Amino acid sequence: MAKEKRMGMTKEGGNTALVSLVKKFSLVLLLVLLSIGCSRTSAPPNETPDAVVTKFYEFTSTGGTRAISEAYRLTNAKDVRLTEDRFRDIVKRYPEGMKIKVLKSDIQKDIAKVTVEMSMPSAFGEYKTESYIYLKLDKQANNWKIDFTGELQDDKIQPEEKKG
């Protein structure tokens, strides 16, 4: 019995020193895992908002069923229950020969505002105008989706100090 007490063993509790060590190790391991899990950030999306906007207009200007389907996947249209057939009808009304040039983009958290210059032929020569394309980060898929609903507005993308 004296030998068992010297080694930290008792009949009632087993090896108390070993149990205490295992508890401490488990606690440290749990804290390490929690800190790793909380500090990990998700990888950035594979494509920038600029690239998504450029691809979208390339697909819509190409036309065809497959290209329009690819353009549809770059939008949030499915989330707002806009069918691909209805999307196709809308896109068919885009001016023929329209081209876009990305001028700049502003990303704030999960919303992006891409400024584009749109040019298209007209009876009076080439017509150019600036426009904004809003995108929202789909966190689940980790990619940018063009806001096809028009729900996003400038007040959601302005710097914090300008918000009132």
N, C-alpha and C. Protein backbone atom coordinates (compact mmCIF):
# COMPACT_ATOMS: atom_id res chain seq x y z
N MET A 1 0.82 -1.19 0.00
CA MET A 1 0.00 0.00 0.00
C MET A 1 0.86 1.25 0.00
N ALA A 2 1.98 1.25 0.78
CA ALA A 2 2.85 2.42 0.84
C ALA A 2 3.48 2.68 -0.52
N LYS A 3 3.85 1.61 -1.23
CA LYS A 3 4.45 1.75 -2.54
C LYS A 3 3.44 2.36 -3.52
N GLU A 4 2.16 1.95 -3.44
CA GLU A 4 1.13 2.47 -4.33
C GLU A 4 0.89 3.95 -4.10
N LYS A 5 0.92 4.42 -2.82
CA LYS A 5 0.70 5.82 -2.52
C LYS A 5 1.84 6.68 -3.04
N ARG A 6 3.09 6.17 -2.95
CA ARG A 6 4.23 6.92 -3.45
C ARG A 6 4.13 7.14 -4.94
N MET A 7 3.54 6.23 -5.69
CA MET A 7 3.45 6.35 -7.14
C MET A 7 2.20 7.12 -7.56
N GLY A 8 1.43 7.64 -6.58
CA GLY A 8 0.23 8.41 -6.91
C GLY A 8 -0.97 7.54 -7.19
N MET A 9 -0.91 6.31 -6.79
CA MET A 9 -2.02 5.40 -7.06
C MET A 9 -2.75 5.11 -5.77
N THR A 10 -4.06 5.08 -5.87
CA THR A 10 -4.88 4.66 -4.74
C THR A 10 -5.87 3.64 -5.27
N LYS A 11 -6.43 2.86 -4.37
CA LYS A 11 -7.40 1.86 -4.81
C LYS A 11 -8.66 2.53 -5.31
N GLU A 12 -9.05 3.67 -4.71
CA GLU A 12 -10.29 4.32 -5.10
C GLU A 12 -10.16 5.08 -6.42
N GLY A 13 -9.10 5.82 -6.64
CA GLY A 13 -9.01 6.74 -7.77
C GLY A 13 -8.11 6.32 -8.90
N GLY A 14 -7.42 5.25 -8.84
CA GLY A 14 -6.51 4.87 -9.90
C GLY A 14 -5.28 5.75 -9.86
N ASN A 15 -4.68 6.00 -10.97
CA ASN A 15 -3.47 6.81 -11.06
C ASN A 15 -3.87 8.28 -11.16
N THR A 16 -3.89 8.99 -10.04
CA THR A 16 -4.36 10.38 -10.02
C THR A 16 -3.43 11.31 -10.80
N ALA A 17 -2.15 11.06 -10.77
CA ALA A 17 -1.22 11.93 -11.51
C ALA A 17 -1.45 11.80 -13.01
N LEU A 18 -1.67 10.59 -13.47
CA LEU A 18 -1.92 10.36 -14.89
C LEU A 18 -3.24 10.98 -15.32
N VAL A 19 -4.27 10.84 -14.50
CA VAL A 19 -5.58 11.42 -14.81
C VAL A 19 -5.47 12.93 -14.88
N SER A 20 -4.76 13.53 -13.95
CA SER A 20 -4.57 14.98 -13.93
C SER A 20 -3.83 15.46 -15.18
N LEU A 21 -2.82 14.71 -15.57
CA LEU A 21 -2.05 15.06 -16.76
C LEU A 21 -2.91 14.96 -18.03
N VAL A 22 -3.71 13.91 -18.13
CA VAL A 22 -4.59 13.73 -19.28
C VAL A 22 -5.62 14.87 -19.35
N LYS A 23 -6.16 15.28 -18.21
CA LYS A 23 -7.13 16.38 -18.17
C LYS A 23 -6.49 17.68 -18.66
N LYS A 24 -5.27 17.95 -18.18
CA LYS A 24 -4.58 19.18 -18.59
C LYS A 24 -4.28 19.15 -20.08
N PHE A 25 -3.81 18.00 -20.56
CA PHE A 25 -3.50 17.87 -21.99
C PHE A 25 -4.76 18.05 -22.83
N SER A 26 -5.86 17.46 -22.40
CA SER A 26 -7.12 17.59 -23.13
C SER A 26 -7.58 19.03 -23.19
N LEU A 27 -7.44 19.75 -22.08
CA LEU A 27 -7.84 21.16 -22.03
C LEU A 27 -6.98 22.00 -22.98
N VAL A 28 -5.67 21.78 -22.95
CA VAL A 28 -4.77 22.52 -23.84
C VAL A 28 -5.09 22.20 -25.30
N LEU A 29 -5.31 20.94 -25.62
CA LEU A 29 -5.64 20.55 -26.99
C LEU A 29 -6.94 21.20 -27.44
N LEU A 30 -7.93 21.22 -26.57
CA LEU A 30 -9.21 21.85 -26.90
C LEU A 30 -9.04 23.34 -27.17
N LEU A 31 -8.26 24.02 -26.35
CA LEU A 31 -8.02 25.45 -26.55
C LEU A 31 -7.28 25.72 -27.86
N VAL A 32 -6.31 24.90 -28.18
CA VAL A 32 -5.57 25.06 -29.44
C VAL A 32 -6.50 24.86 -30.63
N LEU A 33 -7.31 23.83 -30.60
CA LEU A 33 -8.24 23.57 -31.70
C LEU A 33 -9.26 24.69 -31.85
N LEU A 34 -9.75 25.21 -30.74
CA LEU A 34 -10.70 26.32 -30.80
C LEU A 34 -10.07 27.57 -31.38
N SER A 35 -8.83 27.85 -30.99
CA SER A 35 -8.18 29.05 -31.52
C SER A 35 -7.88 28.92 -33.00
N ILE A 36 -7.54 27.73 -33.46
CA ILE A 36 -7.31 27.51 -34.89
C ILE A 36 -8.61 27.65 -35.66
N GLY A 37 -9.66 27.06 -35.16
CA GLY A 37 -10.96 27.12 -35.83
C GLY A 37 -11.52 28.53 -35.90
N CYS A 38 -11.32 29.32 -34.86
CA CYS A 38 -11.86 30.68 -34.84
C CYS A 38 -11.03 31.65 -35.65
N SER A 39 -9.75 31.40 -35.80
CA SER A 39 -8.90 32.34 -36.51
C SER A 39 -8.80 32.05 -38.00
N ARG A 40 -9.24 30.90 -38.43
CA ARG A 40 -9.13 30.53 -39.84
C ARG A 40 -10.09 31.37 -40.67
N THR A 41 -9.59 31.94 -41.74
CA THR A 41 -10.45 32.69 -42.66
C THR A 41 -10.60 31.87 -43.92
N SER A 42 -11.73 32.05 -44.57
CA SER A 42 -11.94 31.28 -45.80
C SER A 42 -11.07 31.85 -46.91
N ALA A 43 -10.78 31.01 -47.85
CA ALA A 43 -9.96 31.43 -48.98
C ALA A 43 -10.73 32.45 -49.81
N PRO A 44 -10.03 33.39 -50.42
CA PRO A 44 -10.74 34.35 -51.27
C PRO A 44 -11.34 33.64 -52.48
N PRO A 45 -12.39 34.22 -53.05
CA PRO A 45 -13.00 33.61 -54.24
C PRO A 45 -11.98 33.46 -55.37
N ASN A 46 -12.19 32.47 -56.22
CA ASN A 46 -11.27 32.22 -57.34
C ASN A 46 -11.23 33.38 -58.32
N GLU A 47 -12.37 34.05 -58.51
CA GLU A 47 -12.44 35.14 -59.48
C GLU A 47 -12.81 36.44 -58.78
N THR A 48 -12.25 37.52 -59.28
CA THR A 48 -12.57 38.84 -58.76
C THR A 48 -13.92 39.28 -59.30
N PRO A 49 -14.55 40.28 -58.67
CA PRO A 49 -15.79 40.81 -59.23
C PRO A 49 -15.61 41.31 -60.66
N ASP A 50 -14.46 41.94 -60.96
CA ASP A 50 -14.18 42.42 -62.32
C ASP A 50 -14.24 41.27 -63.32
N ALA A 51 -13.62 40.16 -62.97
CA ALA A 51 -13.59 39.00 -63.88
C ALA A 51 -14.98 38.42 -64.08
N VAL A 52 -15.79 38.39 -63.03
CA VAL A 52 -17.15 37.86 -63.14
C VAL A 52 -17.98 38.74 -64.07
N VAL A 53 -17.88 40.06 -63.91
CA VAL A 53 -18.62 40.98 -64.78
C VAL A 53 -18.18 40.82 -66.23
N THR A 54 -16.88 40.75 -66.46
CA THR A 54 -16.36 40.58 -67.83
C THR A 54 -16.88 39.29 -68.44
N LYS A 55 -16.81 38.19 -67.70
CA LYS A 55 -17.31 36.90 -68.22
C LYS A 55 -18.80 36.97 -68.52
N PHE A 56 -19.55 37.61 -67.62
CA PHE A 56 -21.00 37.71 -67.81
C PHE A 56 -21.32 38.36 -69.16
N TYR A 57 -20.68 39.48 -69.44
CA TYR A 57 -20.98 40.18 -70.69
C TYR A 57 -20.40 39.46 -71.91
N GLU A 58 -19.32 38.73 -71.73
CA GLU A 58 -18.82 37.90 -72.84
C GLU A 58 -19.84 36.82 -73.18
N PHE A 59 -20.37 36.18 -72.16
CA PHE A 59 -21.38 35.13 -72.39
C PHE A 59 -22.65 35.70 -73.02
N THR A 60 -23.13 36.83 -72.52
CA THR A 60 -24.38 37.38 -73.06
C THR A 60 -24.20 37.89 -74.47
N SER A 61 -23.02 38.41 -74.80
CA SER A 61 -22.82 38.90 -76.17
C SER A 61 -22.62 37.76 -77.15
N THR A 62 -22.10 36.63 -76.66
CA THR A 62 -21.93 35.45 -77.51
C THR A 62 -23.29 34.88 -77.89
N GLY A 63 -24.20 34.88 -76.93
CA GLY A 63 -25.53 34.32 -77.18
C GLY A 63 -25.46 32.81 -77.19
N GLY A 64 -26.51 32.18 -77.61
CA GLY A 64 -26.53 30.72 -77.62
C GLY A 64 -26.94 30.17 -76.28
N THR A 65 -27.51 29.01 -76.30
CA THR A 65 -28.06 28.39 -75.09
C THR A 65 -27.00 28.16 -74.02
N ARG A 66 -25.87 27.60 -74.41
CA ARG A 66 -24.84 27.28 -73.42
C ARG A 66 -24.24 28.55 -72.80
N ALA A 67 -23.95 29.56 -73.63
CA ALA A 67 -23.37 30.80 -73.12
C ALA A 67 -24.34 31.52 -72.18
N ILE A 68 -25.61 31.54 -72.53
CA ILE A 68 -26.60 32.19 -71.67
C ILE A 68 -26.74 31.42 -70.35
N SER A 69 -26.66 30.10 -70.40
CA SER A 69 -26.70 29.29 -69.17
C SER A 69 -25.51 29.62 -68.27
N GLU A 70 -24.34 29.80 -68.87
CA GLU A 70 -23.15 30.17 -68.10
C GLU A 70 -23.33 31.55 -67.48
N ALA A 71 -23.88 32.49 -68.23
CA ALA A 71 -24.13 33.83 -67.71
C ALA A 71 -25.12 33.77 -66.54
N TYR A 72 -26.13 32.96 -66.67
CA TYR A 72 -27.15 32.78 -65.63
C TYR A 72 -26.51 32.31 -64.32
N ARG A 73 -25.55 31.43 -64.41
CA ARG A 73 -24.87 30.90 -63.22
C ARG A 73 -24.03 31.96 -62.51
N LEU A 74 -23.71 33.04 -63.21
CA LEU A 74 -22.92 34.11 -62.61
C LEU A 74 -23.78 35.13 -61.87
N THR A 75 -25.09 34.92 -61.86
CA THR A 75 -26.00 35.86 -61.22
C THR A 75 -26.69 35.22 -60.01
N ASN A 76 -27.43 36.06 -59.30
CA ASN A 76 -28.24 35.57 -58.19
C ASN A 76 -29.66 35.28 -58.64
N ALA A 77 -29.88 35.16 -59.94
CA ALA A 77 -31.23 34.99 -60.50
C ALA A 77 -31.94 33.77 -59.92
N LYS A 78 -31.23 32.69 -59.72
CA LYS A 78 -31.85 31.48 -59.18
C LYS A 78 -32.35 31.73 -57.76
N ASP A 79 -31.61 32.52 -56.99
CA ASP A 79 -32.00 32.82 -55.61
C ASP A 79 -33.30 33.62 -55.53
N VAL A 80 -33.58 34.39 -56.55
CA VAL A 80 -34.80 35.21 -56.55
C VAL A 80 -35.89 34.60 -57.43
N ARG A 81 -35.69 33.34 -57.75
CA ARG A 81 -36.67 32.55 -58.51
C ARG A 81 -36.94 33.09 -59.90
N LEU A 82 -35.90 33.60 -60.52
CA LEU A 82 -35.99 33.99 -61.93
C LEU A 82 -35.53 32.79 -62.73
N THR A 83 -36.40 32.24 -63.52
CA THR A 83 -36.05 31.04 -64.27
C THR A 83 -35.03 31.37 -65.35
N GLU A 84 -34.35 30.35 -65.79
CA GLU A 84 -33.35 30.55 -66.85
C GLU A 84 -34.01 30.99 -68.15
N ASP A 85 -35.21 30.50 -68.43
CA ASP A 85 -35.92 30.93 -69.64
C ASP A 85 -36.26 32.42 -69.58
N ARG A 86 -36.73 32.88 -68.44
CA ARG A 86 -37.04 34.32 -68.28
C ARG A 86 -35.76 35.14 -68.37
N PHE A 87 -34.70 34.65 -67.76
CA PHE A 87 -33.39 35.31 -67.83
C PHE A 87 -32.96 35.45 -69.29
N ARG A 88 -33.11 34.37 -70.05
CA ARG A 88 -32.74 34.37 -71.47
C ARG A 88 -33.54 35.44 -72.23
N ASP A 89 -34.83 35.55 -71.93
CA ASP A 89 -35.67 36.57 -72.58
C ASP A 89 -35.17 37.98 -72.28
N ILE A 90 -34.76 38.22 -71.05
CA ILE A 90 -34.25 39.53 -70.66
C ILE A 90 -32.94 39.83 -71.37
N VAL A 91 -32.03 38.87 -71.37
CA VAL A 91 -30.71 39.06 -71.96
C VAL A 91 -30.79 39.26 -73.47
N LYS A 92 -31.76 38.65 -74.12
CA LYS A 92 -31.92 38.81 -75.57
C LYS A 92 -32.20 40.26 -75.95
N ARG A 93 -32.69 41.04 -75.01
CA ARG A 93 -33.01 42.45 -75.27
C ARG A 93 -31.80 43.37 -75.11
N TYR A 94 -30.68 42.83 -74.68
CA TYR A 94 -29.47 43.65 -74.57
C TYR A 94 -29.12 44.17 -75.96
N PRO A 95 -28.62 45.39 -76.06
CA PRO A 95 -28.28 45.95 -77.38
C PRO A 95 -27.23 45.09 -78.09
N GLU A 96 -27.44 44.88 -79.35
CA GLU A 96 -26.49 44.11 -80.15
C GLU A 96 -25.20 44.91 -80.30
N GLY A 97 -24.09 44.23 -80.17
CA GLY A 97 -22.79 44.89 -80.32
C GLY A 97 -22.33 45.64 -79.08
N MET A 98 -23.02 45.48 -77.97
CA MET A 98 -22.63 46.16 -76.73
C MET A 98 -21.33 45.56 -76.21
N LYS A 99 -20.43 46.45 -75.80
CA LYS A 99 -19.15 46.03 -75.22
C LYS A 99 -18.99 46.74 -73.89
N ILE A 100 -18.28 46.10 -72.99
CA ILE A 100 -18.03 46.74 -71.70
C ILE A 100 -16.53 46.78 -71.42
N LYS A 101 -16.18 47.78 -70.65
CA LYS A 101 -14.80 47.94 -70.20
C LYS A 101 -14.88 48.22 -68.70
N VAL A 102 -14.23 47.39 -67.90
CA VAL A 102 -14.23 47.60 -66.45
C VAL A 102 -13.31 48.77 -66.13
N LEU A 103 -13.85 49.76 -65.42
CA LEU A 103 -13.07 50.93 -65.05
C LEU A 103 -12.48 50.81 -63.65
N LYS A 104 -13.28 50.35 -62.71
CA LYS A 104 -12.78 50.17 -61.34
C LYS A 104 -13.77 49.32 -60.56
N SER A 105 -13.33 48.87 -59.40
CA SER A 105 -14.24 48.13 -58.53
C SER A 105 -13.96 48.50 -57.08
N ASP A 106 -14.99 48.42 -56.29
CA ASP A 106 -14.90 48.72 -54.87
C ASP A 106 -15.53 47.54 -54.13
N ILE A 107 -14.75 46.90 -53.28
CA ILE A 107 -15.24 45.75 -52.52
C ILE A 107 -15.29 46.12 -51.05
N GLN A 108 -16.45 45.91 -50.45
CA GLN A 108 -16.59 46.13 -49.02
C GLN A 108 -17.33 44.94 -48.43
N LYS A 109 -16.58 44.18 -47.66
CA LYS A 109 -17.09 42.95 -47.04
C LYS A 109 -17.58 41.99 -48.12
N ASP A 110 -18.89 41.76 -48.18
CA ASP A 110 -19.39 40.78 -49.15
C ASP A 110 -20.17 41.42 -50.30
N ILE A 111 -19.95 42.72 -50.52
CA ILE A 111 -20.60 43.43 -51.63
C ILE A 111 -19.54 44.12 -52.46
N ALA A 112 -19.70 44.04 -53.77
CA ALA A 112 -18.77 44.71 -54.69
C ALA A 112 -19.56 45.58 -55.65
N LYS A 113 -18.96 46.71 -56.00
CA LYS A 113 -19.54 47.63 -56.98
C LYS A 113 -18.50 47.79 -58.08
N VAL A 114 -18.84 47.33 -59.27
CA VAL A 114 -17.92 47.40 -60.40
C VAL A 114 -18.42 48.49 -61.35
N THR A 115 -17.56 49.47 -61.60
CA THR A 115 -17.90 50.55 -62.53
C THR A 115 -17.45 50.13 -63.91
N VAL A 116 -18.37 50.18 -64.87
CA VAL A 116 -18.06 49.78 -66.24
C VAL A 116 -18.43 50.89 -67.21
N GLU A 117 -17.73 50.90 -68.32
CA GLU A 117 -18.10 51.77 -69.43
C GLU A 117 -18.74 50.86 -70.48
N MET A 118 -19.96 51.18 -70.83
CA MET A 118 -20.67 50.40 -71.85
C MET A 118 -20.65 51.20 -73.14
N SER A 119 -20.29 50.52 -74.21
CA SER A 119 -20.32 51.18 -75.52
C SER A 119 -21.13 50.31 -76.47
N MET A 120 -21.88 51.00 -77.32
CA MET A 120 -22.71 50.29 -78.29
C MET A 120 -22.90 51.17 -79.51
N PRO A 121 -23.06 50.54 -80.66
CA PRO A 121 -23.28 51.32 -81.88
C PRO A 121 -24.66 51.96 -81.86
N SER A 122 -24.75 53.13 -82.49
CA SER A 122 -26.05 53.79 -82.64
C SER A 122 -26.08 54.46 -84.01
N ALA A 123 -27.21 55.00 -84.36
CA ALA A 123 -27.37 55.68 -85.66
C ALA A 123 -26.48 56.92 -85.75
N PHE A 124 -26.06 57.45 -84.61
CA PHE A 124 -25.25 58.66 -84.59
C PHE A 124 -23.79 58.38 -84.25
N GLY A 125 -23.37 57.16 -84.35
CA GLY A 125 -22.01 56.77 -84.00
C GLY A 125 -22.01 55.97 -82.71
N GLU A 126 -20.83 55.73 -82.18
CA GLU A 126 -20.74 54.93 -80.97
C GLU A 126 -21.27 55.70 -79.77
N TYR A 127 -22.08 55.04 -78.97
CA TYR A 127 -22.64 55.63 -77.76
C TYR A 127 -21.96 54.98 -76.56
N LYS A 128 -21.49 55.82 -75.61
CA LYS A 128 -20.83 55.32 -74.41
C LYS A 128 -21.53 55.86 -73.18
N THR A 129 -21.58 55.03 -72.17
CA THR A 129 -22.15 55.44 -70.89
C THR A 129 -21.48 54.65 -69.77
N GLU A 130 -21.46 55.24 -68.58
CA GLU A 130 -20.93 54.54 -67.41
C GLU A 130 -22.08 53.94 -66.64
N SER A 131 -21.84 52.80 -66.05
CA SER A 131 -22.85 52.13 -65.26
C SER A 131 -22.18 51.36 -64.13
N TYR A 132 -22.97 50.93 -63.18
CA TYR A 132 -22.47 50.16 -62.05
C TYR A 132 -23.11 48.79 -62.05
N ILE A 133 -22.30 47.80 -61.76
CA ILE A 133 -22.77 46.43 -61.61
C ILE A 133 -22.46 46.03 -60.17
N TYR A 134 -23.48 45.61 -59.45
CA TYR A 134 -23.30 45.18 -58.07
C TYR A 134 -23.22 43.66 -58.01
N LEU A 135 -22.36 43.19 -57.13
CA LEU A 135 -22.20 41.76 -56.91
C LEU A 135 -22.24 41.49 -55.42
N LYS A 136 -22.67 40.29 -55.08
CA LYS A 136 -22.69 39.86 -53.68
C LYS A 136 -21.91 38.56 -53.60
N LEU A 137 -21.13 38.45 -52.55
CA LEU A 137 -20.35 37.24 -52.34
C LEU A 137 -21.26 36.13 -51.83
N ASP A 138 -21.32 35.05 -52.57
CA ASP A 138 -22.05 33.86 -52.14
C ASP A 138 -21.08 33.10 -51.23
N LYS A 139 -21.28 33.23 -49.94
CA LYS A 139 -20.34 32.66 -48.97
C LYS A 139 -20.29 31.14 -49.02
N GLN A 140 -21.42 30.52 -49.30
CA GLN A 140 -21.46 29.07 -49.35
C GLN A 140 -20.65 28.54 -50.54
N ALA A 141 -20.83 29.14 -51.71
CA ALA A 141 -20.10 28.71 -52.90
C ALA A 141 -18.75 29.40 -53.02
N ASN A 142 -18.53 30.44 -52.22
CA ASN A 142 -17.30 31.24 -52.24
C ASN A 142 -17.02 31.81 -53.63
N ASN A 143 -18.05 32.44 -54.21
CA ASN A 143 -17.85 33.14 -55.48
C ASN A 143 -18.78 34.34 -55.56
N TRP A 144 -18.43 35.27 -56.44
CA TRP A 144 -19.21 36.49 -56.61
C TRP A 144 -20.37 36.23 -57.56
N LYS A 145 -21.54 36.77 -57.20
CA LYS A 145 -22.75 36.65 -58.02
C LYS A 145 -23.24 38.05 -58.37
N ILE A 146 -23.54 38.27 -59.64
CA ILE A 146 -24.07 39.55 -60.08
C ILE A 146 -25.48 39.70 -59.53
N ASP A 147 -25.75 40.88 -58.95
CA ASP A 147 -27.08 41.16 -58.41
C ASP A 147 -28.00 41.48 -59.58
N PHE A 148 -28.76 40.51 -59.99
CA PHE A 148 -29.65 40.67 -61.14
C PHE A 148 -31.00 41.26 -60.73
N THR A 149 -31.20 41.46 -59.42
CA THR A 149 -32.47 41.98 -58.93
C THR A 149 -32.46 43.49 -58.75
N GLY A 150 -31.28 44.07 -58.65
CA GLY A 150 -31.19 45.50 -58.39
C GLY A 150 -31.40 45.85 -56.93
N GLU A 151 -31.31 44.87 -56.04
CA GLU A 151 -31.53 45.13 -54.61
C GLU A 151 -30.38 45.89 -53.96
N LEU A 152 -29.17 45.69 -54.45
CA LEU A 152 -28.02 46.36 -53.85
C LEU A 152 -27.96 47.79 -54.36
N GLN A 153 -27.60 48.70 -53.46
CA GLN A 153 -27.54 50.11 -53.82
C GLN A 153 -26.29 50.72 -53.25
N ASP A 154 -26.03 51.96 -53.66
CA ASP A 154 -24.82 52.65 -53.22
C ASP A 154 -24.71 52.77 -51.70
N ASP A 155 -25.82 52.92 -51.00
CA ASP A 155 -25.73 53.09 -49.56
C ASP A 155 -25.18 51.86 -48.84
N LYS A 156 -25.13 50.72 -49.52
CA LYS A 156 -24.59 49.51 -48.91
C LYS A 156 -23.11 49.32 -49.23
N ILE A 157 -22.53 50.18 -50.05
CA ILE A 157 -21.14 49.99 -50.46
C ILE A 157 -20.27 51.19 -50.11
N GLN A 158 -20.83 52.22 -49.52
CA GLN A 158 -20.05 53.40 -49.19
C GLN A 158 -19.17 53.15 -47.98
N PRO A 159 -18.05 53.87 -47.89
CA PRO A 159 -17.17 53.71 -46.73
C PRO A 159 -17.92 54.01 -45.44
N GLU A 160 -17.47 53.40 -44.35
CA GLU A 160 -18.13 53.52 -43.05
C GLU A 160 -18.30 54.97 -42.62
N GLU A 161 -17.28 55.82 -42.81
CA GLU A 161 -17.36 57.19 -42.33
C GLU A 161 -18.40 58.03 -43.08
N LYS A 162 -18.82 57.60 -44.26
CA LYS A 162 -19.81 58.34 -45.03
C LYS A 162 -21.23 57.92 -44.71
N LYS A 163 -21.40 56.80 -44.02
CA LYS A 163 -22.74 56.34 -43.68
C LYS A 163 -23.32 57.26 -42.61
N GLY A 164 -24.59 57.53 -42.72
CA GLY A 164 -25.21 58.48 -41.81
C GLY A 164 -26.06 57.82 -40.87
